Amino acid sequence: MWKIEEHRRVDKQLSGSVPIDVLKRYEKWKDIARLSGPLGLRAIKGFHDEALLGEWKGFRSSRLGLQWRVIYRIVENLLLIQVVQMTPHDYRRS
């Protein structure tokens, strides 16, 4: 069983202008991530899970809708997924 750790800014992003359908999809994403880890996320084509490049190298992204993405990092040895950002598809690092 995988553990999910959310950065404190994710709470602020979720309480902001994120649409309800995206929040529901994020909860489903977390359920799948807890049970199956990164392989489970990659198996579901709708998430379009992919590794990021450039200044986001080492992170991954999953789609939660046409615009919204969840950006996360995997810590394999701890079975940990660290969610660092929910974004309306703007990958500039903050």
PDB file of N, CA and C in Angstrom:
ATOM      1  N   MET A   1       0.843  -1.179   0.000  1.00  0.00           N
ATOM      2  CA  MET A   1       0.000   0.000   0.000  1.00  0.00           C
ATOM      3  C   MET A   1       0.889   1.244   0.000  1.00  0.00           C
ATOM      4  N   TRP A   2       0.618   2.137  -0.913  1.00  0.00           N
ATOM      5  CA  TRP A   2       1.397   3.366  -1.053  1.00  0.00           C
ATOM      6  C   TRP A   2       0.825   4.465  -0.165  1.00  0.00           C
ATOM      7  N   LYS A   3       1.695   5.363   0.271  1.00  0.00           N
ATOM      8  CA  LYS A   3       1.281   6.520   1.058  1.00  0.00           C
ATOM      9  C   LYS A   3       1.325   7.748   0.155  1.00  0.00           C
ATOM     10  N   ILE A   4       0.362   8.655   0.335  1.00  0.00           N
ATOM     11  CA  ILE A   4       0.339   9.894  -0.443  1.00  0.00           C
ATOM     12  C   ILE A   4       0.552  11.057   0.510  1.00  0.00           C
ATOM     13  N   GLU A   5       1.511  11.891   0.155  1.00  0.00           N
ATOM     14  CA  GLU A   5       1.861  13.064   0.957  1.00  0.00           C
ATOM     15  C   GLU A   5       1.615  14.302   0.086  1.00  0.00           C
ATOM     16  N   GLU A   6       0.777  15.222   0.557  1.00  0.00           N
ATOM     17  CA  GLU A   6       0.474  16.431  -0.212  1.00  0.00           C
ATOM     18  C   GLU A   6       1.236  17.626   0.351  1.00  0.00           C
ATOM     19  N   HIS A   7       1.840  18.388  -0.525  1.00  0.00           N
ATOM     20  CA  HIS A   7       2.505  19.617  -0.119  1.00  0.00           C
ATOM     21  C   HIS A   7       1.449  20.580   0.421  1.00  0.00           C
ATOM     22  N   ARG A   8       1.813  21.446   1.340  1.00  0.00           N
ATOM     23  CA  ARG A   8       0.832  22.346   1.954  1.00  0.00           C
ATOM     24  C   ARG A   8       0.176  23.290   0.944  1.00  0.00           C
ATOM     25  N   ARG A   9       0.855  23.600  -0.140  1.00  0.00           N
ATOM     26  CA  ARG A   9       0.250  24.491  -1.132  1.00  0.00           C
ATOM     27  C   ARG A   9      -0.872  23.798  -1.899  1.00  0.00           C
ATOM     28  N   VAL A  10      -0.870  22.457  -1.917  1.00  0.00           N
ATOM     29  CA  VAL A  10      -1.929  21.719  -2.616  1.00  0.00           C
ATOM     30  C   VAL A  10      -3.273  21.979  -1.941  1.00  0.00           C
ATOM     31  N   ASP A  11      -3.301  22.038  -0.598  1.00  0.00           N
ATOM     32  CA  ASP A  11      -4.547  22.357   0.115  1.00  0.00           C
ATOM     33  C   ASP A  11      -5.097  23.706  -0.315  1.00  0.00           C
ATOM     34  N   LYS A  12      -4.224  24.685  -0.440  1.00  0.00           N
ATOM     35  CA  LYS A  12      -4.651  26.017  -0.873  1.00  0.00           C
ATOM     36  C   LYS A  12      -5.172  25.974  -2.304  1.00  0.00           C
ATOM     37  N   GLN A  13      -4.496  25.226  -3.162  1.00  0.00           N
ATOM     38  CA  GLN A  13      -4.913  25.120  -4.558  1.00  0.00           C
ATOM     39  C   GLN A  13      -6.263  24.416  -4.656  1.00  0.00           C
ATOM     40  N   LEU A  14      -6.480  23.384  -3.838  1.00  0.00           N
ATOM     41  CA  LEU A  14      -7.734  22.643  -3.879  1.00  0.00           C
ATOM     42  C   LEU A  14      -8.908  23.457  -3.351  1.00  0.00           C
ATOM     43  N   SER A  15      -8.663  24.338  -2.389  1.00  0.00           N
ATOM     44  CA  SER A  15      -9.747  25.145  -1.834  1.00  0.00           C
ATOM     45  C   SER A  15     -10.021  26.383  -2.690  1.00  0.00           C
ATOM     46  N   GLY A  16      -9.229  26.580  -3.719  1.00  0.00           N
ATOM     47  CA  GLY A  16      -9.398  27.743  -4.592  1.00  0.00           C
ATOM     48  C   GLY A  16     -10.404  27.505  -5.693  1.00  0.00           C
ATOM     49  N   SER A  17      -9.964  27.653  -6.919  1.00  0.00           N
ATOM     50  CA  SER A  17     -10.870  27.638  -8.067  1.00  0.00           C
ATOM     51  C   SER A  17     -10.873  26.310  -8.829  1.00  0.00           C
ATOM     52  N   VAL A  18     -10.589  25.217  -8.161  1.00  0.00           N
ATOM     53  CA  VAL A  18     -10.587  23.915  -8.824  1.00  0.00           C
ATOM     54  C   VAL A  18     -12.034  23.437  -8.964  1.00  0.00           C
ATOM     55  N   PRO A  19     -12.465  23.095 -10.177  1.00  0.00           N
ATOM     56  CA  PRO A  19     -13.838  22.616 -10.382  1.00  0.00           C
ATOM     57  C   PRO A  19     -14.124  21.316  -9.620  1.00  0.00           C
ATOM     58  N   ILE A  20     -15.383  21.132  -9.258  1.00  0.00           N
ATOM     59  CA  ILE A  20     -15.808  19.961  -8.484  1.00  0.00           C
ATOM     60  C   ILE A  20     -15.465  18.650  -9.188  1.00  0.00           C
ATOM     61  N   ASP A  21     -15.679  18.573 -10.511  1.00  0.00           N
ATOM     62  CA  ASP A  21     -15.387  17.323 -11.229  1.00  0.00           C
ATOM     63  C   ASP A  21     -13.907  16.983 -11.183  1.00  0.00           C
ATOM     64  N   VAL A  22     -13.049  17.999 -11.159  1.00  0.00           N
ATOM     65  CA  VAL A  22     -11.603  17.772 -11.051  1.00  0.00           C
ATOM     66  C   VAL A  22     -11.266  17.271  -9.645  1.00  0.00           C
ATOM     67  N   LEU A  23     -11.916  17.824  -8.628  1.00  0.00           N
ATOM     68  CA  LEU A  23     -11.690  17.361  -7.250  1.00  0.00           C
ATOM     69  C   LEU A  23     -12.092  15.891  -7.096  1.00  0.00           C
ATOM     70  N   LYS A  24     -13.210  15.508  -7.704  1.00  0.00           N
ATOM     71  CA  LYS A  24     -13.648  14.107  -7.638  1.00  0.00           C
ATOM     72  C   LYS A  24     -12.650  13.199  -8.350  1.00  0.00           C
ATOM     73  N   ARG A  25     -12.159  13.657  -9.491  1.00  0.00           N
ATOM     74  CA  ARG A  25     -11.181  12.851 -10.236  1.00  0.00           C
ATOM     75  C   ARG A  25      -9.868  12.738  -9.455  1.00  0.00           C
ATOM     76  N   TYR A  26      -9.496  13.800  -8.746  1.00  0.00           N
ATOM     77  CA  TYR A  26      -8.286  13.774  -7.919  1.00  0.00           C
ATOM     78  C   TYR A  26      -8.441  12.748  -6.789  1.00  0.00           C
ATOM     79  N   GLU A  27      -9.622  12.687  -6.177  1.00  0.00           N
ATOM     80  CA  GLU A  27      -9.853  11.696  -5.127  1.00  0.00           C
ATOM     81  C   GLU A  27      -9.738  10.278  -5.689  1.00  0.00           C
ATOM     82  N   LYS A  28     -10.252  10.047  -6.889  1.00  0.00           N
ATOM     83  CA  LYS A  28     -10.135   8.742  -7.539  1.00  0.00           C
ATOM     84  C   LYS A  28      -8.667   8.442  -7.855  1.00  0.00           C
ATOM     85  N   TRP A  29      -7.932   9.469  -8.313  1.00  0.00           N
ATOM     86  CA  TRP A  29      -6.495   9.335  -8.600  1.00  0.00           C
ATOM     87  C   TRP A  29      -5.767   8.883  -7.330  1.00  0.00           C
ATOM     88  N   LYS A  30      -6.086   9.513  -6.187  1.00  0.00           N
ATOM     89  CA  LYS A  30      -5.431   9.155  -4.923  1.00  0.00           C
ATOM     90  C   LYS A  30      -5.766   7.724  -4.517  1.00  0.00           C
ATOM     91  N   ASP A  31      -7.021   7.303  -4.718  1.00  0.00           N
ATOM     92  CA  ASP A  31      -7.410   5.927  -4.388  1.00  0.00           C
ATOM     93  C   ASP A  31      -6.577   4.922  -5.190  1.00  0.00           C
ATOM     94  N   ILE A  32      -6.459   5.174  -6.485  1.00  0.00           N
ATOM     95  CA  ILE A  32      -5.685   4.275  -7.356  1.00  0.00           C
ATOM     96  C   ILE A  32      -4.212   4.286  -6.963  1.00  0.00           C
ATOM     97  N   ALA A  33      -3.682   5.489  -6.675  1.00  0.00           N
ATOM     98  CA  ALA A  33      -2.273   5.613  -6.291  1.00  0.00           C
ATOM     99  C   ALA A  33      -1.994   4.863  -4.987  1.00  0.00           C
ATOM    100  N   ARG A  34      -2.897   4.947  -4.025  1.00  0.00           N
ATOM    101  CA  ARG A  34      -2.706   4.238  -2.751  1.00  0.00           C
ATOM    102  C   ARG A  34      -2.672   2.723  -2.950  1.00  0.00           C
ATOM    103  N   LEU A  35      -3.585   2.226  -3.765  1.00  0.00           N
ATOM    104  CA  LEU A  35      -3.702   0.777  -3.940  1.00  0.00           C
ATOM    105  C   LEU A  35      -2.653   0.190  -4.880  1.00  0.00           C
ATOM    106  N   SER A  36      -2.413   0.871  -6.020  1.00  0.00           N
ATOM    107  CA  SER A  36      -1.571   0.279  -7.068  1.00  0.00           C
ATOM    108  C   SER A  36      -0.275   1.024  -7.329  1.00  0.00           C
ATOM    109  N   GLY A  37      -0.107   2.193  -6.744  1.00  0.00           N
ATOM    110  CA  GLY A  37       1.115   2.965  -6.948  1.00  0.00           C
ATOM    111  C   GLY A  37       1.229   3.507  -8.365  1.00  0.00           C
ATOM    112  N   PRO A  38       2.429   3.880  -8.765  1.00  0.00           N
ATOM    113  CA  PRO A  38       2.646   4.482 -10.080  1.00  0.00           C
ATOM    114  C   PRO A  38       2.254   3.575 -11.245  1.00  0.00           C
ATOM    115  N   LEU A  39       2.425   2.269 -11.102  1.00  0.00           N
ATOM    116  CA  LEU A  39       2.052   1.360 -12.191  1.00  0.00           C
ATOM    117  C   LEU A  39       0.550   1.394 -12.444  1.00  0.00           C
ATOM    118  N   GLY A  40      -0.227   1.503 -11.393  1.00  0.00           N
ATOM    119  CA  GLY A  40      -1.680   1.607 -11.536  1.00  0.00           C
ATOM    120  C   GLY A  40      -2.088   2.890 -12.227  1.00  0.00           C
ATOM    121  N   LEU A  41      -1.390   3.982 -11.933  1.00  0.00           N
ATOM    122  CA  LEU A  41      -1.691   5.267 -12.570  1.00  0.00           C
ATOM    123  C   LEU A  41      -1.353   5.217 -14.059  1.00  0.00           C
ATOM    124  N   ARG A  42      -0.246   4.577 -14.393  1.00  0.00           N
ATOM    125  CA  ARG A  42       0.149   4.475 -15.802  1.00  0.00           C
ATOM    126  C   ARG A  42      -0.775   3.553 -16.592  1.00  0.00           C
ATOM    127  N   ALA A  43      -1.386   2.596 -15.909  1.00  0.00           N
ATOM    128  CA  ALA A  43      -2.259   1.635 -16.587  1.00  0.00           C
ATOM    129  C   ALA A  43      -3.564   2.266 -17.060  1.00  0.00           C
ATOM    130  N   ILE A  44      -3.982   3.348 -16.428  1.00  0.00           N
ATOM    131  CA  ILE A  44      -5.235   4.004 -16.810  1.00  0.00           C
ATOM    132  C   ILE A  44      -4.916   5.096 -17.827  1.00  0.00           C
ATOM    133  N   LYS A  45      -5.290   4.848 -19.062  1.00  0.00           N
ATOM    134  CA  LYS A  45      -4.922   5.737 -20.165  1.00  0.00           C
ATOM    135  C   LYS A  45      -5.501   7.146 -20.015  1.00  0.00           C
ATOM    136  N   GLY A  46      -6.634   7.275 -19.357  1.00  0.00           N
ATOM    137  CA  GLY A  46      -7.269   8.585 -19.182  1.00  0.00           C
ATOM    138  C   GLY A  46      -6.426   9.574 -18.397  1.00  0.00           C
ATOM    139  N   PHE A  47      -5.539   9.081 -17.554  1.00  0.00           N
ATOM    140  CA  PHE A  47      -4.669   9.975 -16.778  1.00  0.00           C
ATOM    141  C   PHE A  47      -3.498  10.494 -17.602  1.00  0.00           C
ATOM    142  N   HIS A  48      -3.162   9.841 -18.698  1.00  0.00           N
ATOM    143  CA  HIS A  48      -2.013  10.243 -19.535  1.00  0.00           C
ATOM    144  C   HIS A  48      -0.794  10.533 -18.653  1.00  0.00           C
ATOM    145  N   ASP A  49      -0.514   9.617 -17.751  1.00  0.00           N
ATOM    146  CA  ASP A  49       0.590   9.781 -16.810  1.00  0.00           C
ATOM    147  C   ASP A  49       1.916   9.791 -17.565  1.00  0.00           C
ATOM    148  N   GLU A  50       2.752  10.797 -17.280  1.00  0.00           N
ATOM    149  CA  GLU A  50       4.018  10.924 -18.011  1.00  0.00           C
ATOM    150  C   GLU A  50       5.089  11.562 -17.150  1.00  0.00           C
ATOM    151  N   ALA A  51       6.332  11.246 -17.472  1.00  0.00           N
ATOM    152  CA  ALA A  51       7.477  11.870 -16.820  1.00  0.00           C
ATOM    153  C   ALA A  51       7.650  13.275 -17.390  1.00  0.00           C
ATOM    154  N   LEU A  52       8.058  14.206 -16.534  1.00  0.00           N
ATOM    155  CA  LEU A  52       8.274  15.586 -16.972  1.00  0.00           C
ATOM    156  C   LEU A  52       9.748  15.818 -17.266  1.00  0.00           C
ATOM    157  N   LEU A  53      10.011  16.839 -18.043  1.00  0.00           N
ATOM    158  CA  LEU A  53      11.375  17.174 -18.463  1.00  0.00           C
ATOM    159  C   LEU A  53      11.758  18.574 -17.982  1.00  0.00           C
ATOM    160  N   GLY A  54      12.977  18.977 -18.291  1.00  0.00           N
ATOM    161  CA  GLY A  54      13.450  20.324 -17.963  1.00  0.00           C
ATOM    162  C   GLY A  54      13.583  20.521 -16.472  1.00  0.00           C
ATOM    163  N   GLU A  55      13.115  21.664 -15.969  1.00  0.00           N
ATOM    164  CA  GLU A  55      13.266  21.943 -14.546  1.00  0.00           C
ATOM    165  C   GLU A  55      12.365  21.059 -13.676  1.00  0.00           C
ATOM    166  N   TRP A  56      11.425  20.336 -14.283  1.00  0.00           N
ATOM    167  CA  TRP A  56      10.569  19.395 -13.572  1.00  0.00           C
ATOM    168  C   TRP A  56      11.071  17.953 -13.691  1.00  0.00           C
ATOM    169  N   LYS A  57      12.286  17.774 -14.168  1.00  0.00           N
ATOM    170  CA  LYS A  57      12.842  16.416 -14.309  1.00  0.00           C
ATOM    171  C   LYS A  57      12.818  15.713 -12.949  1.00  0.00           C
ATOM    172  N   GLY A  58      12.385  14.464 -12.954  1.00  0.00           N
ATOM    173  CA  GLY A  58      12.250  13.710 -11.708  1.00  0.00           C
ATOM    174  C   GLY A  58      10.824  13.696 -11.183  1.00  0.00           C
ATOM    175  N   PHE A  59       9.955  14.487 -11.790  1.00  0.00           N
ATOM    176  CA  PHE A  59       8.553  14.544 -11.409  1.00  0.00           C
ATOM    177  C   PHE A  59       7.709  13.904 -12.502  1.00  0.00           C
ATOM    178  N   ARG A  60       6.461  13.591 -12.169  1.00  0.00           N
ATOM    179  CA  ARG A  60       5.513  13.031 -13.123  1.00  0.00           C
ATOM    180  C   ARG A  60       4.244  13.877 -13.108  1.00  0.00           C
ATOM    181  N   SER A  61       3.449  13.741 -14.159  1.00  0.00           N
ATOM    182  CA  SER A  61       2.203  14.472 -14.283  1.00  0.00           C
ATOM    183  C   SER A  61       1.093  13.522 -14.706  1.00  0.00           C
ATOM    184  N   SER A  62      -0.096  13.715 -14.135  1.00  0.00           N
ATOM    185  CA  SER A  62      -1.288  12.974 -14.542  1.00  0.00           C
ATOM    186  C   SER A  62      -2.388  13.981 -14.848  1.00  0.00           C
ATOM    187  N   ARG A  63      -3.149  13.729 -15.897  1.00  0.00           N
ATOM    188  CA  ARG A  63      -4.264  14.607 -16.251  1.00  0.00           C
ATOM    189  C   ARG A  63      -5.471  14.303 -15.380  1.00  0.00           C
ATOM    190  N   LEU A  64      -6.122  15.370 -14.944  1.00  0.00           N
ATOM    191  CA  LEU A  64      -7.368  15.229 -14.187  1.00  0.00           C
ATOM    192  C   LEU A  64      -8.525  15.846 -14.962  1.00  0.00           C
ATOM    193  N   GLY A  65      -8.284  16.197 -16.177  1.00  0.00           N
ATOM    194  CA  GLY A  65      -9.273  16.823 -17.047  1.00  0.00           C
ATOM    195  C   GLY A  65      -8.528  17.389 -18.245  1.00  0.00           C
ATOM    196  N   LEU A  66      -9.228  18.134 -19.079  1.00  0.00           N
ATOM    197  CA  LEU A  66      -8.560  18.715 -20.243  1.00  0.00           C
ATOM    198  C   LEU A  66      -7.470  19.688 -19.842  1.00  0.00           C
ATOM    199  N   GLN A  67      -7.698  20.435 -18.769  1.00  0.00           N
ATOM    200  CA  GLN A  67      -6.754  21.474 -18.371  1.00  0.00           C
ATOM    201  C   GLN A  67      -5.942  21.103 -17.122  1.00  0.00           C
ATOM    202  N   TRP A  68      -6.545  20.495 -16.133  1.00  0.00           N
ATOM    203  CA  TRP A  68      -5.913  20.308 -14.831  1.00  0.00           C
ATOM    204  C   TRP A  68      -4.974  19.111 -14.782  1.00  0.00           C
ATOM    205  N   ARG A  69      -3.850  19.297 -14.076  1.00  0.00           N
ATOM    206  CA  ARG A  69      -2.837  18.256 -13.889  1.00  0.00           C
ATOM    207  C   ARG A  69      -2.457  18.162 -12.409  1.00  0.00           C
ATOM    208  N   VAL A  70      -2.068  16.973 -12.007  1.00  0.00           N
ATOM    209  CA  VAL A  70      -1.463  16.781 -10.695  1.00  0.00           C
ATOM    210  C   VAL A  70       0.003  16.444 -10.960  1.00  0.00           C
ATOM    211  N   ILE A  71       0.894  17.138 -10.276  1.00  0.00           N
ATOM    212  CA  ILE A  71       2.334  16.919 -10.439  1.00  0.00           C
ATOM    213  C   ILE A  71       2.845  16.277  -9.153  1.00  0.00           C
ATOM    214  N   TYR A  72       3.586  15.187  -9.321  1.00  0.00           N
ATOM    215  CA  TYR A  72       4.028  14.438  -8.153  1.00  0.00           C
ATOM    216  C   TYR A  72       5.400  13.818  -8.388  1.00  0.00           C
ATOM    217  N   ARG A  73       5.983  13.362  -7.273  1.00  0.00           N
ATOM    218  CA  ARG A  73       7.289  12.692  -7.294  1.00  0.00           C
ATOM    219  C   ARG A  73       7.125  11.351  -6.580  1.00  0.00           C
ATOM    220  N   ILE A  74       7.867  10.361  -7.028  1.00  0.00           N
ATOM    221  CA  ILE A  74       7.799   9.021  -6.450  1.00  0.00           C
ATOM    222  C   ILE A  74       9.059   8.766  -5.622  1.00  0.00           C
ATOM    223  N   VAL A  75       8.865   8.288  -4.389  1.00  0.00           N
ATOM    224  CA  VAL A  75       9.976   7.846  -3.541  1.00  0.00           C
ATOM    225  C   VAL A  75       9.784   6.342  -3.375  1.00  0.00           C
ATOM    226  N   GLU A  76      10.405   5.575  -4.285  1.00  0.00           N
ATOM    227  CA  GLU A  76      10.195   4.120  -4.374  1.00  0.00           C
ATOM    228  C   GLU A  76      10.493   3.384  -3.075  1.00  0.00           C
ATOM    229  N   ASN A  77      11.640   3.681  -2.472  1.00  0.00           N
ATOM    230  CA  ASN A  77      12.063   2.903  -1.306  1.00  0.00           C
ATOM    231  C   ASN A  77      11.145   3.097  -0.096  1.00  0.00           C
ATOM    232  N   LEU A  78      10.350   4.174  -0.071  1.00  0.00           N
ATOM    233  CA  LEU A  78       9.414   4.427   1.026  1.00  0.00           C
ATOM    234  C   LEU A  78       7.965   4.144   0.631  1.00  0.00           C
ATOM    235  N   LEU A  79       7.744   3.698  -0.610  1.00  0.00           N
ATOM    236  CA  LEU A  79       6.391   3.529  -1.150  1.00  0.00           C
ATOM    237  C   LEU A  79       5.579   4.809  -0.919  1.00  0.00           C
ATOM    238  N   LEU A  80       6.162   5.925  -1.345  1.00  0.00           N
ATOM    239  CA  LEU A  80       5.590   7.243  -1.095  1.00  0.00           C
ATOM    240  C   LEU A  80       5.401   8.006  -2.398  1.00  0.00           C
ATOM    241  N   ILE A  81       4.251   8.645  -2.544  1.00  0.00           N
ATOM    242  CA  ILE A  81       3.987   9.549  -3.659  1.00  0.00           C
ATOM    243  C   ILE A  81       3.792  10.929  -3.067  1.00  0.00           C
ATOM    244  N   GLN A  82       4.651  11.871  -3.468  1.00  0.00           N
ATOM    245  CA  GLN A  82       4.582  13.240  -2.962  1.00  0.00           C
ATOM    246  C   GLN A  82       3.914  14.129  -4.004  1.00  0.00           C
ATOM    247  N   VAL A  83       2.705  14.590  -3.706  1.00  0.00           N
ATOM    248  CA  VAL A  83       1.990  15.498  -4.600  1.00  0.00           C
ATOM    249  C   VAL A  83       2.493  16.903  -4.299  1.00  0.00           C
ATOM    250  N   VAL A  84       3.056  17.561  -5.314  1.00  0.00           N
ATOM    251  CA  VAL A  84       3.630  18.883  -5.086  1.00  0.00           C
ATOM    252  C   VAL A  84       2.780  20.009  -5.650  1.00  0.00           C
ATOM    253  N   GLN A  85       1.897  19.698  -6.601  1.00  0.00           N
ATOM    254  CA  GLN A  85       1.128  20.789  -7.188  1.00  0.00           C
ATOM    255  C   GLN A  85      -0.080  20.277  -7.954  1.00  0.00           C
ATOM    256  N   MET A  86      -1.172  21.038  -7.885  1.00  0.00           N
ATOM    257  CA  MET A  86      -2.337  20.879  -8.758  1.00  0.00           C
ATOM    258  C   MET A  86      -2.336  22.125  -9.620  1.00  0.00           C
ATOM    259  N   THR A  87      -2.315  21.955 -10.908  1.00  0.00           N
ATOM    260  CA  THR A  87      -2.131  23.111 -11.764  1.00  0.00           C
ATOM    261  C   THR A  87      -3.041  23.073 -12.980  1.00  0.00           C
ATOM    262  N   PRO A  88      -3.481  24.251 -13.433  1.00  0.00           N
ATOM    263  CA  PRO A  88      -4.220  24.296 -14.694  1.00  0.00           C
ATOM    264  C   PRO A  88      -3.246  24.311 -15.865  1.00  0.00           C
ATOM    265  N   HIS A  89      -2.383  23.286 -15.925  1.00  0.00           N
ATOM    266  CA  HIS A  89      -1.426  23.037 -17.019  1.00  0.00           C
ATOM    267  C   HIS A  89      -0.448  24.185 -17.253  1.00  0.00           C
ATOM    268  N   ASP A  90       0.194  24.621 -16.189  1.00  0.00           N
ATOM    269  CA  ASP A  90       1.259  25.603 -16.269  1.00  0.00           C
ATOM    270  C   ASP A  90       2.420  25.011 -15.486  1.00  0.00           C
ATOM    271  N   TYR A  91       3.400  24.437 -16.184  1.00  0.00           N
ATOM    272  CA  TYR A  91       4.460  23.681 -15.527  1.00  0.00           C
ATOM    273  C   TYR A  91       5.642  24.519 -15.057  1.00  0.00           C
ATOM    274  N   ARG A  92       5.521  25.827 -15.078  1.00  0.00           N
ATOM    275  CA  ARG A  92       6.632  26.633 -14.554  1.00  0.00           C
ATOM    276  C   ARG A  92       6.762  26.371 -13.073  1.00  0.00           C
ATOM    277  N   ARG A  93       7.947  26.130 -12.644  1.00  0.00           N
ATOM    278  CA  ARG A  93       8.195  25.791 -11.235  1.00  0.00           C
ATOM    279  C   ARG A  93       8.066  27.031 -10.378  1.00  0.00           C
ATOM    280  N   SER A  94       7.367  26.926  -9.243  1.00  0.00           N
ATOM    281  CA  SER A  94       7.217  28.099  -8.374  1.00  0.00           C
ATOM    282  C   SER A  94       8.007  27.967  -7.111  1.00  0.00           C
TER     283      SER A  94
END
